[in-house]
C-alpha atoms as a PDB file:
ATOM      1  CA  MET A   1     140.488  46.060  80.850  1.00  0.00           C
ATOM      2  CA  ILE A   2     138.727  46.798  77.735  1.00  0.00           C
ATOM      3  CA  HIS A   3     136.940  49.582  77.819  1.00  0.00           C
ATOM      4  CA  GLU A   4     133.744  49.791  75.018  1.00  0.00           C
ATOM      5  CA  GLU A   5     133.105  53.533  75.168  1.00  0.00           C
ATOM      6  CA  ARG A   6     136.797  54.053  73.670  1.00  0.00           C
ATOM      7  CA  VAL A   7     136.999  51.043  71.473  1.00  0.00           C
ATOM      8  CA  ILE A   8     134.311  53.199  69.587  1.00  0.00           C
ATOM      9  CA  LEU A   9     135.935  56.362  70.060  1.00  0.00           C
ATOM     10  CA  MET A  10     139.369  54.980  68.203  1.00  0.00           C
ATOM     11  CA  THR A  11     137.766  52.852  66.306  1.00  0.00           C
ATOM     12  CA  GLY A  12     135.186  56.122  64.402  1.00  0.00           C
ATOM     13  CA  LEU A  13     138.272  57.850  64.825  1.00  0.00           C
ATOM     14  CA  GLN A  14     140.430  55.627  62.510  1.00  0.00           C
ATOM     15  CA  ALA A  15     137.210  55.148  60.128  1.00  0.00           C
ATOM     16  CA  TYR A  16     137.633  59.271  59.801  1.00  0.00           C
ATOM     17  CA  GLU A  17     141.363  58.747  59.508  1.00  0.00           C
ATOM     18  CA  ASP A  18     141.434  56.095  56.586  1.00  0.00           C
ATOM     19  CA  GLY A  19     138.926  57.504  54.798  1.00  0.00           C
ATOM     20  CA  GLU A  20     137.784  61.799  54.442  1.00  0.00           C
ATOM     21  CA  GLY A  21     140.539  62.504  56.828  1.00  0.00           C
ATOM     22  CA  LYS A  22     143.068  62.233  55.124  1.00  0.00           C
ATOM     23  CA  LYS A  23     141.415  64.492  52.128  1.00  0.00           C
ATOM     24  CA  ASP A  24     140.714  66.944  55.264  1.00  0.00           C
ATOM     25  CA  ILE A  25     144.455  67.090  55.999  1.00  0.00           C
ATOM     26  CA  ALA A  26     145.874  66.977  53.458  1.00  0.00           C
ATOM     27  CA  VAL A  27     143.320  70.621  52.593  1.00  0.00           C
ATOM     28  CA  ALA A  28     143.794  71.664  56.112  1.00  0.00           C
ATOM     29  CA  ASN A  29     148.161  72.016  55.387  1.00  0.00           C
ATOM     30  CA  TYR A  30     147.549  74.650  53.341  1.00  0.00           C
ATOM     31  CA  PHE A  31     146.250  77.989  54.343  1.00  0.00           C
ATOM     32  CA  ARG A  32     142.813  79.208  53.036  1.00  0.00           C
ATOM     33  CA  GLY A  33     143.764  81.995  50.553  1.00  0.00           C
ATOM     34  CA  ASP A  34     146.545  79.223  49.415  1.00  0.00           C
ATOM     35  CA  TYR A  35     143.963  76.106  49.232  1.00  0.00           C
ATOM     36  CA  ILE A  36     141.810  78.359  47.361  1.00  0.00           C
ATOM     37  CA  GLY A  37     144.218  80.253  45.473  1.00  0.00           C
ATOM     38  CA  ALA A  38     146.577  77.333  43.748  1.00  0.00           C
ATOM     39  CA  GLU A  39     142.969  75.438  42.899  1.00  0.00           C
ATOM     40  CA  MET A  40     141.264  78.349  40.829  1.00  0.00           C
ATOM     41  CA  LEU A  41     143.920  78.477  38.675  1.00  0.00           C
ATOM     42  CA  LYS A  42     144.419  74.600  38.318  1.00  0.00           C
ATOM     43  CA  SER A  43     140.715  75.122  37.216  1.00  0.00           C
ATOM     44  CA  VAL A  44     141.136  78.096  35.540  1.00  0.00           C
ATOM     45  CA  ILE A  45     144.116  76.265  33.477  1.00  0.00           C
ATOM     46  CA  ALA A  46     141.977  72.838  32.027  1.00  0.00           C
ATOM     47  CA  MET A  47     138.561  75.269  31.553  1.00  0.00           C
ATOM     48  CA  THR A  48     141.515  77.410  28.719  1.00  0.00           C
ATOM     49  CA  ILE A  49     142.706  74.657  27.413  1.00  0.00           C
ATOM     50  CA  ALA A  50     139.106  72.768  27.311  1.00  0.00           C
ATOM     51  CA  ALA A  51     137.793  76.429  25.905  1.00  0.00           C
ATOM     52  CA  SER A  52     140.876  76.194  23.238  1.00  0.00           C
ATOM     53  CA  VAL A  53     139.314  72.262  21.923  1.00  0.00           C
ATOM     54  CA  PHE A  54     135.796  73.254  21.621  1.00  0.00           C
ATOM     55  CA  TYR A  55     136.877  76.275  19.285  1.00  0.00           C
ATOM     56  CA  ALA A  56     139.827  74.262  17.833  1.00  0.00           C
ATOM     57  CA  GLY A  57     136.627  71.864  17.425  1.00  0.00           C
ATOM     58  CA  TYR A  58     133.889  74.185  15.959  1.00  0.00           C
ATOM     59  CA  VAL A  59     136.087  75.630  13.726  1.00  0.00           C
ATOM     60  CA  PHE A  60     137.413  72.326  11.828  1.00  0.00           C
ATOM     61  CA  TYR A  61     133.982  71.443  12.366  1.00  0.00           C
ATOM     62  CA  ASN A  62     133.360  74.423   9.988  1.00  0.00           C
ATOM     63  CA  LEU A  63     136.132  74.611   8.375  1.00  0.00           C
ATOM     64  CA  GLU A  64     134.855  75.060   5.054  1.00  0.00           C
ATOM     65  CA  SER A  65     133.103  78.003   5.808  1.00  0.00           C
ATOM     66  CA  PHE A  66     135.843  79.317   7.412  1.00  0.00           C
ATOM     67  CA  MET A  67     137.646  79.211   4.495  1.00  0.00           C
ATOM     68  CA  ARG A  68     135.299  80.626   2.413  1.00  0.00           C
ATOM     69  CA  ASP A  69     134.935  83.518   5.120  1.00  0.00           C
ATOM     70  CA  LEU A  70     138.816  83.644   5.692  1.00  0.00           C
ATOM     71  CA  TYR A  71     139.607  86.963   4.056  1.00  0.00           C
ATOM     72  CA  GLN A  72     136.289  88.972   4.468  1.00  0.00           C
ATOM     73  CA  THR A  73     136.249  88.726   8.007  1.00  0.00           C
ATOM     74  CA  ASP A  74     137.087  91.450   9.991  1.00  0.00           C
ATOM     75  CA  TRP A  75     139.584  89.610  12.474  1.00  0.00           C
ATOM     76  CA  ILE A  76     140.409  92.656  14.844  1.00  0.00           C
ATOM     77  CA  GLU A  77     136.363  92.682  15.704  1.00  0.00           C
ATOM     78  CA  TYR A  78     136.231  88.665  15.528  1.00  0.00           C
ATOM     79  CA  ALA A  79     139.338  87.985  18.283  1.00  0.00           C
ATOM     80  CA  LYS A  80     137.393  90.970  20.276  1.00  0.00           C
ATOM     81  CA  VAL A  81     134.919  88.702  20.337  1.00  0.00           C
ATOM     82  CA  LEU A  82     136.622  85.460  20.912  1.00  0.00           C
ATOM     83  CA  LEU A  83     138.416  87.631  23.705  1.00  0.00           C
ATOM     84  CA  THR A  84     135.223  88.540  25.714  1.00  0.00           C
ATOM     85  CA  ARG A  85     133.185  85.802  25.398  1.00  0.00           C
ATOM     86  CA  TYR A  86     136.496  83.289  26.787  1.00  0.00           C
ATOM     87  CA  LEU A  87     137.030  86.248  29.812  1.00  0.00           C
ATOM     88  CA  ILE A  88     133.445  85.775  30.418  1.00  0.00           C
ATOM     89  CA  LEU A  89     133.880  81.991  30.495  1.00  0.00           C
ATOM     90  CA  VAL A  90     136.242  82.563  32.602  1.00  0.00           C
ATOM     91  CA  VAL A  91     135.191  84.816  35.098  1.00  0.00           C
ATOM     92  CA  VAL A  92     131.737  82.476  35.926  1.00  0.00           C
ATOM     93  CA  TYR A  93     134.114  79.380  36.038  1.00  0.00           C
ATOM     94  CA  ALA A  94     136.659  81.114  38.513  1.00  0.00           C
ATOM     95  CA  VAL A  95     133.735  82.714  40.795  1.00  0.00           C
ATOM     96  CA  ILE A  96     131.865  79.336  40.927  1.00  0.00           C
ATOM     97  CA  THR A  97     135.438  77.586  41.487  1.00  0.00           C
ATOM     98  CA  TYR A  98     136.188  80.090  44.672  1.00  0.00           C
ATOM     99  CA  LEU A  99     132.287  78.847  45.370  1.00  0.00           C
ATOM    100  CA  VAL A 100     133.112  75.649  45.511  1.00  0.00           C
ATOM    101  CA  TYR A 101     136.149  75.058  47.451  1.00  0.00           C
ATOM    102  CA  ALA A 102     135.803  77.151  49.670  1.00  0.00           C
ATOM    103  CA  TYR A 103     132.888  75.654  50.897  1.00  0.00           C
ATOM    104  CA  ARG A 104     135.414  72.737  50.917  1.00  0.00           C
ATOM    105  CA  TYR A 105     138.434  74.536  53.056  1.00  0.00           C
ATOM    106  CA  ALA A 106     135.085  75.385  55.155  1.00  0.00           C
ATOM    107  CA  LYS A 107     133.776  71.336  55.878  1.00  0.00           C
ATOM    108  CA  ALA A 108     137.757  71.010  56.098  1.00  0.00           C
ATOM    109  CA  LYS A 109     138.211  72.408  59.099  1.00  0.00           C
ATOM    110  CA  LYS A 110     135.016  71.551  60.791  1.00  0.00           C
ATOM    111  CA  ASN A 111     134.997  68.484  60.781  1.00  0.00           C
ATOM    112  CA  LEU A 112     139.121  68.511  61.301  1.00  0.00           C
ATOM    113  CA  LYS A 113     137.862  70.073  64.490  1.00  0.00           C
ATOM    114  CA  LYS A 114     135.663  67.622  65.643  1.00  0.00           C
ATOM    115  CA  TYR A 115     138.608  65.283  64.823  1.00  0.00           C
ATOM    116  CA  TYR A 116     140.645  67.693  67.241  1.00  0.00           C
ATOM    117  CA  GLY A 117     137.899  67.251  69.601  1.00  0.00           C
ATOM    118  CA  ARG A 118     137.559  63.854  69.557  1.00  0.00           C
ATOM    119  CA  LEU A 119     141.096  62.896  70.152  1.00  0.00           C
ATOM    120  CA  LYS A 120     141.135  65.310  73.320  1.00  0.00           C
ATOM    121  CA  GLU A 121     138.123  63.163  74.345  1.00  0.00           C
ATOM    122  CA  LEU A 122     139.870  60.130  74.030  1.00  0.00           C
ATOM    123  CA  SER A 123     143.450  61.384  75.605  1.00  0.00           C
ATOM    124  CA  ALA A 124     141.200  62.296  78.470  1.00  0.00           C
ATOM    125  CA  MET A 125     139.455  58.153  78.936  1.00  0.00           C
ATOM    126  CA  TYR A 126     143.081  57.818  79.208  1.00  0.00           C
ATOM    127  CA  HIS A 127     143.987  59.933  81.847  1.00  0.00           C
ATOM    128  CA  GLU A 128     141.630  58.989  83.564  1.00  0.00           C
ATOM    129  CA  GLU A 129     141.960  55.926  83.993  1.00  0.00           C
ATOM    130  CA  SER A 130     145.828  55.890  84.553  1.00  0.00           C
END
């Protein structure tokens, strides 16, 4: 006999598994610190590449003035300024990344807790029937 309530619950569980559940399960396979750390490392590497491309574009765009001032520039001071700006950018980007992925991890854990609760509810329905 088909139980309408059980079918509705199973449909909802399957929809979650096929959609958002895939991402949530992948996230939950990591410890919180490992997940956030890996994502921060990936984002800092991507930000470093983007900053390098941006700076290279800036130098190529202003190549004439850069070449004109080549011998008059204090390269140590220039490197300090550039490194300081880069480090500020990295710290800000890392903090934002930490906040975003900590939120995503917490949300995935919360969703999975609801999912497992609904699975227990479905299991209880089967045990009541038999």
